[in-house]
Amino acid sequence: MKKILLILLVLLCGSCRRGGDLSTLREGDILFIETRSFQSKFIKLGMMSIWSHCGIAVNTPDGVQIMEADTTVRILPVERFIDKSVGKKYIIKRPPQQLSQPIDKEAWIGRWYDLNFSFDNEEVYCSELVWLIYKNQGIELCPPRKINTHFMARVPMLQRALRERNISPEQEAVAPCDLLRAL
């Protein structure tokens, strides 16, 4: 079973362009990475994608940096964000519809990470942060999906993890792979 899943991951992600020109990074661009976090393995397996985390480029007095939802929402240098990635792999995506206003970083900084992947609270997870920034400016990058439409809904180990966190299979969420596939 593990071999089949690994083959599927390679086939699904083998065509993904890795990297991108960081010198052209601008506010609103989305960076996807494969983190080493505990829940990364669940996200990769459940979503059938190697890209388990994402952040959004923001303008700062120190130049373009990345805003991410980690333990809390924070801003860090691009290189530090990429350093978190296995093999320092990343992919940059620029949505076809750009943001019409600067990102209101202060509205997000310090919010707690949402372990329940819920849209109905002040906490946010990585792809929800990116999705909401665009949605708040009238741009829907992709539609939210019910968790039970992802592969994770069919894997017993992941079903157990969802139950332990009181996450309903009917709950809607936006995963990093949903954003990536839509772009």
N, C-alpha and C. Protein backbone atom coordinates (compact mmCIF):
# COMPACT_ATOMS: atom_id res chain seq x y z
N MET A 1 0.82 -1.19 0.00
CA MET A 1 0.00 0.00 0.00
C MET A 1 0.87 1.26 0.00
N LYS A 2 1.92 1.28 0.86
CA LYS A 2 2.80 2.44 0.91
C LYS A 2 3.51 2.65 -0.42
N LYS A 3 3.91 1.56 -1.07
CA LYS A 3 4.59 1.68 -2.36
C LYS A 3 3.66 2.28 -3.41
N ILE A 4 2.41 1.87 -3.39
CA ILE A 4 1.43 2.39 -4.35
C ILE A 4 1.23 3.89 -4.11
N LEU A 5 1.11 4.29 -2.85
CA LEU A 5 0.94 5.71 -2.54
C LEU A 5 2.15 6.53 -2.95
N LEU A 6 3.34 6.00 -2.73
CA LEU A 6 4.55 6.70 -3.14
C LEU A 6 4.60 6.87 -4.66
N ILE A 7 4.26 5.83 -5.38
CA ILE A 7 4.23 5.91 -6.85
C ILE A 7 3.22 6.96 -7.30
N LEU A 8 2.04 6.97 -6.68
CA LEU A 8 1.03 7.97 -7.01
C LEU A 8 1.53 9.38 -6.75
N LEU A 9 2.20 9.59 -5.62
CA LEU A 9 2.75 10.90 -5.31
C LEU A 9 3.76 11.34 -6.36
N VAL A 10 4.64 10.43 -6.74
CA VAL A 10 5.64 10.76 -7.75
C VAL A 10 4.97 11.11 -9.08
N LEU A 11 3.98 10.32 -9.47
CA LEU A 11 3.28 10.59 -10.72
C LEU A 11 2.52 11.91 -10.68
N LEU A 12 1.86 12.17 -9.56
CA LEU A 12 1.09 13.41 -9.44
C LEU A 12 1.97 14.63 -9.37
N CYS A 13 3.12 14.51 -8.74
CA CYS A 13 3.96 15.68 -8.50
C CYS A 13 5.18 15.73 -9.39
N GLY A 14 5.43 14.69 -10.13
CA GLY A 14 6.62 14.66 -10.96
C GLY A 14 6.67 15.76 -11.99
N SER A 15 5.51 16.23 -12.42
CA SER A 15 5.49 17.27 -13.43
C SER A 15 5.51 18.67 -12.84
N CYS A 16 5.47 18.78 -11.51
CA CYS A 16 5.51 20.09 -10.87
C CYS A 16 6.87 20.74 -11.11
N ARG A 17 6.84 21.99 -11.52
CA ARG A 17 8.07 22.74 -11.66
C ARG A 17 8.59 23.05 -10.26
N ARG A 18 9.82 22.75 -9.99
CA ARG A 18 10.38 23.04 -8.68
C ARG A 18 11.23 24.29 -8.78
N GLY A 19 11.02 25.16 -7.82
CA GLY A 19 11.81 26.38 -7.78
C GLY A 19 11.05 27.53 -8.39
N GLY A 20 11.76 28.40 -8.96
CA GLY A 20 11.20 29.62 -9.53
C GLY A 20 12.18 30.74 -9.23
N ASP A 21 12.04 31.81 -9.94
CA ASP A 21 12.96 32.94 -9.82
C ASP A 21 12.52 33.83 -8.66
N LEU A 22 13.24 33.73 -7.56
CA LEU A 22 12.89 34.52 -6.37
C LEU A 22 13.07 36.01 -6.60
N SER A 23 13.87 36.39 -7.56
CA SER A 23 14.09 37.83 -7.80
C SER A 23 12.85 38.50 -8.40
N THR A 24 11.92 37.71 -8.93
CA THR A 24 10.70 38.29 -9.50
C THR A 24 9.51 38.20 -8.54
N LEU A 25 9.77 37.73 -7.31
CA LEU A 25 8.71 37.56 -6.32
C LEU A 25 8.06 38.90 -6.02
N ARG A 26 6.72 38.91 -6.02
CA ARG A 26 6.00 40.15 -5.68
C ARG A 26 4.81 39.83 -4.78
N GLU A 27 4.32 40.87 -4.12
CA GLU A 27 3.22 40.68 -3.17
C GLU A 27 2.06 39.94 -3.84
N GLY A 28 1.57 38.95 -3.12
CA GLY A 28 0.46 38.14 -3.61
C GLY A 28 0.89 36.81 -4.21
N ASP A 29 2.18 36.67 -4.55
CA ASP A 29 2.67 35.39 -5.05
C ASP A 29 2.59 34.37 -3.91
N ILE A 30 2.37 33.11 -4.27
CA ILE A 30 2.21 32.06 -3.28
C ILE A 30 3.36 31.08 -3.42
N LEU A 31 4.03 30.78 -2.29
CA LEU A 31 5.11 29.79 -2.28
C LEU A 31 4.62 28.53 -1.59
N PHE A 32 4.88 27.40 -2.22
CA PHE A 32 4.52 26.09 -1.68
C PHE A 32 5.80 25.35 -1.34
N ILE A 33 5.80 24.71 -0.17
CA ILE A 33 6.95 23.93 0.26
C ILE A 33 6.48 22.61 0.88
N GLU A 34 7.44 21.71 1.07
CA GLU A 34 7.19 20.45 1.77
C GLU A 34 7.89 20.55 3.12
N THR A 35 7.11 20.70 4.18
CA THR A 35 7.73 20.89 5.49
C THR A 35 8.04 19.57 6.17
N ARG A 36 8.79 19.67 7.24
CA ARG A 36 9.15 18.52 8.06
C ARG A 36 8.24 18.40 9.28
N SER A 37 7.19 19.19 9.34
CA SER A 37 6.32 19.21 10.52
C SER A 37 5.65 17.86 10.75
N PHE A 38 5.18 17.65 11.96
CA PHE A 38 4.51 16.41 12.33
C PHE A 38 3.31 16.15 11.42
N GLN A 39 2.51 17.20 11.17
CA GLN A 39 1.30 16.96 10.38
C GLN A 39 1.54 16.97 8.88
N SER A 40 2.75 17.30 8.46
CA SER A 40 3.07 17.31 7.03
C SER A 40 2.81 15.95 6.39
N LYS A 41 3.21 14.87 7.07
CA LYS A 41 3.01 13.54 6.49
C LYS A 41 1.53 13.25 6.29
N PHE A 42 0.68 13.71 7.20
CA PHE A 42 -0.76 13.51 7.06
C PHE A 42 -1.31 14.32 5.87
N ILE A 43 -0.83 15.55 5.76
CA ILE A 43 -1.28 16.42 4.66
C ILE A 43 -0.84 15.84 3.32
N LYS A 44 0.43 15.41 3.23
CA LYS A 44 0.93 14.85 1.97
C LYS A 44 0.16 13.60 1.57
N LEU A 45 -0.05 12.72 2.50
CA LEU A 45 -0.78 11.49 2.21
C LEU A 45 -2.25 11.79 1.92
N GLY A 46 -2.85 12.57 2.79
CA GLY A 46 -4.28 12.84 2.66
C GLY A 46 -4.66 13.64 1.44
N MET A 47 -3.74 14.47 0.97
CA MET A 47 -4.04 15.33 -0.17
C MET A 47 -3.34 14.87 -1.44
N MET A 48 -2.55 13.79 -1.32
CA MET A 48 -1.84 13.25 -2.48
C MET A 48 -0.95 14.31 -3.15
N SER A 49 -0.18 15.00 -2.33
CA SER A 49 0.68 16.06 -2.83
C SER A 49 1.93 16.14 -1.97
N ILE A 50 3.07 16.45 -2.55
CA ILE A 50 4.26 16.64 -1.73
C ILE A 50 4.26 18.03 -1.08
N TRP A 51 3.51 18.97 -1.62
CA TRP A 51 3.50 20.33 -1.10
C TRP A 51 2.54 20.40 0.07
N SER A 52 3.09 20.53 1.28
CA SER A 52 2.27 20.46 2.49
C SER A 52 2.07 21.79 3.20
N HIS A 53 2.68 22.85 2.71
CA HIS A 53 2.59 24.15 3.39
C HIS A 53 2.70 25.24 2.34
N CYS A 54 2.12 26.39 2.66
CA CYS A 54 2.24 27.52 1.74
C CYS A 54 2.26 28.83 2.53
N GLY A 55 2.77 29.84 1.87
CA GLY A 55 2.80 31.19 2.43
C GLY A 55 2.61 32.17 1.30
N ILE A 56 2.40 33.42 1.66
CA ILE A 56 2.13 34.45 0.65
C ILE A 56 3.17 35.56 0.75
N ALA A 57 3.64 36.03 -0.39
CA ALA A 57 4.63 37.11 -0.43
C ALA A 57 3.96 38.42 -0.05
N VAL A 58 4.64 39.16 0.83
CA VAL A 58 4.14 40.46 1.28
C VAL A 58 5.27 41.48 1.20
N ASN A 59 4.90 42.72 0.92
CA ASN A 59 5.89 43.80 0.93
C ASN A 59 6.13 44.26 2.36
N THR A 60 7.40 44.42 2.70
CA THR A 60 7.78 44.92 4.02
C THR A 60 8.87 45.98 3.82
N PRO A 61 9.19 46.74 4.85
CA PRO A 61 10.30 47.69 4.72
C PRO A 61 11.63 47.01 4.36
N ASP A 62 11.74 45.72 4.67
CA ASP A 62 12.96 44.96 4.35
C ASP A 62 12.87 44.25 3.00
N GLY A 63 11.88 44.59 2.20
CA GLY A 63 11.69 43.94 0.91
C GLY A 63 10.58 42.90 0.98
N VAL A 64 10.48 42.10 -0.07
CA VAL A 64 9.44 41.07 -0.11
C VAL A 64 9.82 39.94 0.84
N GLN A 65 8.87 39.57 1.70
CA GLN A 65 9.05 38.47 2.63
C GLN A 65 7.82 37.56 2.55
N ILE A 66 7.78 36.52 3.36
CA ILE A 66 6.68 35.56 3.31
C ILE A 66 5.88 35.62 4.60
N MET A 67 4.57 35.73 4.47
CA MET A 67 3.68 35.63 5.61
C MET A 67 3.10 34.23 5.60
N GLU A 68 3.18 33.56 6.76
CA GLU A 68 2.72 32.19 6.86
C GLU A 68 1.96 32.00 8.16
N ALA A 69 1.09 31.00 8.17
CA ALA A 69 0.45 30.55 9.40
C ALA A 69 1.23 29.33 9.86
N ASP A 70 1.97 29.49 10.94
CA ASP A 70 2.75 28.40 11.52
C ASP A 70 2.13 28.16 12.89
N THR A 71 2.84 28.38 13.97
CA THR A 71 2.21 28.35 15.29
C THR A 71 1.27 29.54 15.40
N THR A 72 1.76 30.67 14.93
CA THR A 72 0.94 31.87 14.74
C THR A 72 1.25 32.41 13.35
N VAL A 73 0.47 33.38 12.92
CA VAL A 73 0.77 34.03 11.64
C VAL A 73 1.95 34.96 11.88
N ARG A 74 2.92 34.86 11.00
CA ARG A 74 4.14 35.66 11.14
C ARG A 74 4.73 35.94 9.76
N ILE A 75 5.69 36.84 9.74
CA ILE A 75 6.40 37.18 8.50
C ILE A 75 7.86 36.82 8.70
N LEU A 76 8.44 36.16 7.68
CA LEU A 76 9.84 35.81 7.76
C LEU A 76 10.50 35.98 6.39
N PRO A 77 11.83 36.10 6.38
CA PRO A 77 12.53 36.22 5.10
C PRO A 77 12.27 35.01 4.21
N VAL A 78 12.27 35.25 2.93
CA VAL A 78 12.00 34.19 1.95
C VAL A 78 12.93 33.00 2.17
N GLU A 79 14.21 33.27 2.38
CA GLU A 79 15.19 32.20 2.54
C GLU A 79 14.87 31.33 3.75
N ARG A 80 14.42 31.95 4.85
CA ARG A 80 14.06 31.16 6.05
C ARG A 80 12.84 30.30 5.79
N PHE A 81 11.91 30.81 5.00
CA PHE A 81 10.73 30.02 4.65
C PHE A 81 11.15 28.80 3.83
N ILE A 82 11.99 29.02 2.84
CA ILE A 82 12.45 27.93 1.97
C ILE A 82 13.33 26.95 2.74
N ASP A 83 14.10 27.43 3.72
CA ASP A 83 14.92 26.55 4.55
C ASP A 83 14.10 25.51 5.29
N LYS A 84 12.81 25.80 5.53
CA LYS A 84 11.93 24.86 6.23
C LYS A 84 11.53 23.69 5.34
N SER A 85 11.78 23.81 4.05
CA SER A 85 11.35 22.80 3.09
C SER A 85 12.36 21.67 2.96
N VAL A 86 11.85 20.46 2.85
CA VAL A 86 12.70 19.29 2.62
C VAL A 86 13.46 19.51 1.32
N GLY A 87 14.78 19.44 1.39
CA GLY A 87 15.61 19.64 0.19
C GLY A 87 15.55 21.06 -0.36
N LYS A 88 15.02 21.98 0.43
CA LYS A 88 14.86 23.38 0.03
C LYS A 88 14.08 23.51 -1.28
N LYS A 89 13.17 22.55 -1.52
CA LYS A 89 12.33 22.61 -2.72
C LYS A 89 11.17 23.57 -2.48
N TYR A 90 10.80 24.26 -3.51
CA TYR A 90 9.66 25.17 -3.44
C TYR A 90 9.11 25.37 -4.84
N ILE A 91 7.93 25.88 -4.88
CA ILE A 91 7.33 26.26 -6.15
C ILE A 91 6.62 27.59 -5.92
N ILE A 92 6.73 28.49 -6.87
CA ILE A 92 6.09 29.80 -6.80
C ILE A 92 4.94 29.82 -7.78
N LYS A 93 3.81 30.30 -7.34
CA LYS A 93 2.66 30.48 -8.23
C LYS A 93 2.16 31.91 -8.11
N ARG A 94 1.87 32.50 -9.24
CA ARG A 94 1.30 33.85 -9.29
C ARG A 94 -0.12 33.72 -9.82
N PRO A 95 -1.10 34.01 -8.98
CA PRO A 95 -2.49 33.92 -9.45
C PRO A 95 -2.71 34.85 -10.63
N PRO A 96 -3.57 34.43 -11.57
CA PRO A 96 -3.81 35.25 -12.75
C PRO A 96 -4.46 36.60 -12.40
N GLN A 97 -5.26 36.61 -11.35
CA GLN A 97 -5.90 37.84 -10.91
C GLN A 97 -5.12 38.37 -9.71
N GLN A 98 -4.50 39.52 -9.87
CA GLN A 98 -3.68 40.08 -8.80
C GLN A 98 -4.52 40.86 -7.79
N LEU A 99 -3.98 41.01 -6.61
CA LEU A 99 -4.65 41.76 -5.56
C LEU A 99 -4.74 43.22 -5.95
N SER A 100 -5.86 43.85 -5.64
CA SER A 100 -6.07 45.25 -6.01
C SER A 100 -5.57 46.21 -4.93
N GLN A 101 -5.35 45.70 -3.72
CA GLN A 101 -4.89 46.53 -2.60
C GLN A 101 -3.73 45.82 -1.90
N PRO A 102 -2.90 46.58 -1.21
CA PRO A 102 -1.83 45.92 -0.43
C PRO A 102 -2.43 45.00 0.63
N ILE A 103 -1.71 43.96 0.97
CA ILE A 103 -2.16 43.03 2.00
C ILE A 103 -2.09 43.72 3.36
N ASP A 104 -3.17 43.65 4.11
CA ASP A 104 -3.24 44.22 5.46
C ASP A 104 -2.60 43.23 6.43
N LYS A 105 -1.30 43.28 6.51
CA LYS A 105 -0.54 42.32 7.33
C LYS A 105 -0.96 42.37 8.80
N GLU A 106 -1.21 43.57 9.30
CA GLU A 106 -1.55 43.73 10.72
C GLU A 106 -2.85 43.02 11.09
N ALA A 107 -3.74 42.81 10.14
CA ALA A 107 -4.99 42.10 10.41
C ALA A 107 -4.76 40.62 10.67
N TRP A 108 -3.60 40.11 10.26
CA TRP A 108 -3.33 38.67 10.35
C TRP A 108 -2.25 38.30 11.36
N ILE A 109 -1.24 39.15 11.51
CA ILE A 109 -0.09 38.84 12.37
C ILE A 109 -0.54 38.49 13.79
N GLY A 110 -0.01 37.38 14.28
CA GLY A 110 -0.29 36.96 15.65
C GLY A 110 -1.48 36.03 15.82
N ARG A 111 -2.27 35.85 14.77
CA ARG A 111 -3.39 34.90 14.89
C ARG A 111 -2.84 33.50 15.09
N TRP A 112 -3.54 32.70 15.88
CA TRP A 112 -3.11 31.33 16.16
C TRP A 112 -3.38 30.42 14.97
N TYR A 113 -2.57 29.38 14.87
CA TYR A 113 -2.76 28.35 13.85
C TYR A 113 -4.02 27.55 14.18
N ASP A 114 -4.80 27.24 13.16
CA ASP A 114 -6.07 26.54 13.35
C ASP A 114 -5.89 25.04 13.13
N LEU A 115 -5.73 24.31 14.22
CA LEU A 115 -5.54 22.86 14.14
C LEU A 115 -6.80 22.11 13.71
N ASN A 116 -7.95 22.79 13.75
CA ASN A 116 -9.21 22.14 13.36
C ASN A 116 -9.62 22.50 11.93
N PHE A 117 -8.82 23.29 11.25
CA PHE A 117 -9.07 23.63 9.84
C PHE A 117 -10.49 24.16 9.63
N SER A 118 -10.90 25.07 10.47
CA SER A 118 -12.26 25.60 10.45
C SER A 118 -12.28 27.02 9.87
N PHE A 119 -13.31 27.32 9.10
CA PHE A 119 -13.45 28.67 8.55
C PHE A 119 -14.18 29.62 9.51
N ASP A 120 -14.71 29.11 10.61
CA ASP A 120 -15.61 29.93 11.42
C ASP A 120 -14.99 30.43 12.73
N ASN A 121 -13.69 30.74 12.69
CA ASN A 121 -13.06 31.29 13.88
C ASN A 121 -11.94 32.25 13.48
N GLU A 122 -11.29 32.82 14.46
CA GLU A 122 -10.22 33.79 14.21
C GLU A 122 -8.88 33.11 13.89
N GLU A 123 -8.77 31.82 14.16
CA GLU A 123 -7.54 31.10 13.87
C GLU A 123 -7.49 30.76 12.39
N VAL A 124 -6.28 30.63 11.85
CA VAL A 124 -6.13 30.29 10.43
C VAL A 124 -5.02 29.28 10.23
N TYR A 125 -5.18 28.43 9.23
CA TYR A 125 -4.11 27.52 8.81
C TYR A 125 -3.52 28.08 7.53
N CYS A 126 -2.43 27.53 7.06
CA CYS A 126 -1.63 28.16 6.00
C CYS A 126 -2.41 28.48 4.73
N SER A 127 -3.08 27.50 4.16
CA SER A 127 -3.78 27.74 2.89
C SER A 127 -5.03 28.57 3.10
N GLU A 128 -5.62 28.48 4.29
CA GLU A 128 -6.78 29.33 4.60
C GLU A 128 -6.35 30.80 4.63
N LEU A 129 -5.19 31.08 5.21
CA LEU A 129 -4.67 32.46 5.25
C LEU A 129 -4.56 33.03 3.84
N VAL A 130 -3.91 32.29 2.96
CA VAL A 130 -3.74 32.74 1.57
C VAL A 130 -5.10 32.91 0.90
N TRP A 131 -5.97 31.92 1.06
CA TRP A 131 -7.30 31.93 0.44
C TRP A 131 -8.10 33.14 0.92
N LEU A 132 -8.07 33.40 2.24
CA LEU A 132 -8.85 34.52 2.80
C LEU A 132 -8.32 35.87 2.37
N ILE A 133 -7.01 36.00 2.24
CA ILE A 133 -6.44 37.28 1.78
C ILE A 133 -7.00 37.62 0.40
N TYR A 134 -7.01 36.64 -0.48
CA TYR A 134 -7.58 36.87 -1.82
C TYR A 134 -9.10 37.04 -1.75
N LYS A 135 -9.77 36.19 -1.00
CA LYS A 135 -11.24 36.25 -0.89
C LYS A 135 -11.70 37.60 -0.36
N ASN A 136 -10.97 38.17 0.60
CA ASN A 136 -11.32 39.48 1.15
C ASN A 136 -11.19 40.60 0.13
N GLN A 137 -10.50 40.34 -0.98
CA GLN A 137 -10.41 41.32 -2.05
C GLN A 137 -11.26 40.90 -3.26
N GLY A 138 -12.19 39.99 -3.02
CA GLY A 138 -13.14 39.60 -4.05
C GLY A 138 -12.65 38.56 -5.03
N ILE A 139 -11.56 37.87 -4.72
CA ILE A 139 -10.99 36.87 -5.62
C ILE A 139 -11.05 35.50 -4.93
N GLU A 140 -11.76 34.57 -5.54
CA GLU A 140 -11.79 33.21 -4.99
C GLU A 140 -10.83 32.36 -5.81
N LEU A 141 -9.71 32.01 -5.19
CA LEU A 141 -8.68 31.24 -5.90
C LEU A 141 -9.17 29.84 -6.26
N CYS A 142 -9.99 29.26 -5.40
CA CYS A 142 -10.56 27.93 -5.63
C CYS A 142 -11.73 27.78 -4.68
N PRO A 143 -12.66 26.89 -5.00
CA PRO A 143 -13.75 26.67 -4.05
C PRO A 143 -13.29 25.79 -2.90
N PRO A 144 -13.77 26.06 -1.69
CA PRO A 144 -13.48 25.13 -0.59
C PRO A 144 -14.08 23.77 -0.91
N ARG A 145 -13.46 22.72 -0.37
CA ARG A 145 -13.95 21.36 -0.60
C ARG A 145 -14.26 20.70 0.74
N LYS A 146 -15.25 19.83 0.72
CA LYS A 146 -15.52 19.04 1.93
C LYS A 146 -14.34 18.09 2.14
N ILE A 147 -13.98 17.93 3.38
CA ILE A 147 -12.84 17.07 3.70
C ILE A 147 -13.05 15.66 3.17
N ASN A 148 -14.28 15.19 3.16
CA ASN A 148 -14.52 13.82 2.68
C ASN A 148 -14.32 13.66 1.18
N THR A 149 -14.07 14.74 0.45
CA THR A 149 -13.77 14.62 -0.98
C THR A 149 -12.27 14.42 -1.23
N HIS A 150 -11.47 14.61 -0.20
CA HIS A 150 -10.03 14.38 -0.30
C HIS A 150 -9.74 12.91 -0.04
N PHE A 151 -8.61 12.46 -0.51
CA PHE A 151 -8.17 11.09 -0.31
C PHE A 151 -8.13 10.73 1.17
N MET A 152 -7.82 11.71 2.01
CA MET A 152 -7.67 11.45 3.44
C MET A 152 -8.91 10.85 4.07
N ALA A 153 -10.05 11.12 3.51
CA ALA A 153 -11.30 10.61 4.07
C ALA A 153 -11.40 9.09 3.94
N ARG A 154 -10.51 8.49 3.13
CA ARG A 154 -10.56 7.04 2.92
C ARG A 154 -9.41 6.28 3.58
N VAL A 155 -8.56 6.97 4.33
CA VAL A 155 -7.42 6.34 4.97
C VAL A 155 -7.71 6.23 6.47
N PRO A 156 -7.79 5.00 7.00
CA PRO A 156 -8.16 4.82 8.42
C PRO A 156 -7.32 5.64 9.40
N MET A 157 -6.00 5.68 9.20
CA MET A 157 -5.14 6.44 10.11
C MET A 157 -5.52 7.92 10.10
N LEU A 158 -5.84 8.44 8.92
CA LEU A 158 -6.21 9.85 8.81
C LEU A 158 -7.63 10.08 9.33
N GLN A 159 -8.51 9.14 9.13
CA GLN A 159 -9.86 9.24 9.68
C GLN A 159 -9.79 9.35 11.20
N ARG A 160 -8.92 8.56 11.80
CA ARG A 160 -8.74 8.58 13.25
C ARG A 160 -8.23 9.96 13.70
N ALA A 161 -7.27 10.51 12.97
CA ALA A 161 -6.72 11.83 13.31
C ALA A 161 -7.80 12.90 13.21
N LEU A 162 -8.65 12.80 12.21
CA LEU A 162 -9.75 13.76 12.07
C LEU A 162 -10.71 13.66 13.27
N ARG A 163 -11.05 12.44 13.65
CA ARG A 163 -11.94 12.25 14.80
C ARG A 163 -11.32 12.80 16.08
N GLU A 164 -10.03 12.57 16.27
CA GLU A 164 -9.35 13.05 17.48
C GLU A 164 -9.38 14.56 17.57
N ARG A 165 -9.41 15.24 16.45
CA ARG A 165 -9.46 16.71 16.44
C ARG A 165 -10.90 17.23 16.28
N ASN A 166 -11.86 16.34 16.30
CA ASN A 166 -13.28 16.72 16.13
C ASN A 166 -13.52 17.46 14.82
N ILE A 167 -12.89 16.97 13.76
CA ILE A 167 -13.05 17.56 12.43
C ILE A 167 -14.06 16.71 11.67
N SER A 168 -15.14 17.33 11.25
CA SER A 168 -16.19 16.62 10.53
C SER A 168 -15.75 16.36 9.09
N PRO A 169 -16.02 15.17 8.55
CA PRO A 169 -15.73 14.91 7.13
C PRO A 169 -16.54 15.82 6.20
N GLU A 170 -17.62 16.39 6.71
CA GLU A 170 -18.46 17.30 5.91
C GLU A 170 -17.95 18.74 5.94
N GLN A 171 -16.98 19.00 6.80
CA GLN A 171 -16.44 20.34 6.94
C GLN A 171 -15.71 20.76 5.67
N GLU A 172 -15.85 22.02 5.28
CA GLU A 172 -15.14 22.53 4.11
C GLU A 172 -13.78 23.08 4.52
N ALA A 173 -12.84 22.93 3.64
CA ALA A 173 -11.48 23.42 3.87
C ALA A 173 -10.83 23.70 2.52
N VAL A 174 -9.72 24.41 2.57
CA VAL A 174 -8.90 24.66 1.38
C VAL A 174 -7.49 24.17 1.71
N ALA A 175 -7.03 23.17 1.00
CA ALA A 175 -5.71 22.61 1.22
C ALA A 175 -4.70 23.28 0.29
N PRO A 176 -3.40 23.22 0.65
CA PRO A 176 -2.39 23.77 -0.27
C PRO A 176 -2.53 23.21 -1.69
N CYS A 177 -2.82 21.90 -1.80
CA CYS A 177 -2.94 21.30 -3.14
C CYS A 177 -4.15 21.86 -3.90
N ASP A 178 -5.20 22.27 -3.18
CA ASP A 178 -6.36 22.88 -3.86
C ASP A 178 -5.94 24.19 -4.52
N LEU A 179 -5.18 25.01 -3.77
CA LEU A 179 -4.70 26.27 -4.34
C LEU A 179 -3.78 26.02 -5.52
N LEU A 180 -2.86 25.10 -5.35
CA LEU A 180 -1.89 24.81 -6.40
C LEU A 180 -2.57 24.33 -7.67
N ARG A 181 -3.51 23.42 -7.55
CA ARG A 181 -4.20 22.89 -8.73
C ARG A 181 -5.04 23.95 -9.42
N ALA A 182 -5.54 24.92 -8.65
CA ALA A 182 -6.36 25.97 -9.24
C ALA A 182 -5.53 27.01 -9.99
N LEU A 183 -4.24 27.05 -9.67
CA LEU A 183 -3.37 28.04 -10.29
C LEU A 183 -2.62 27.43 -11.44
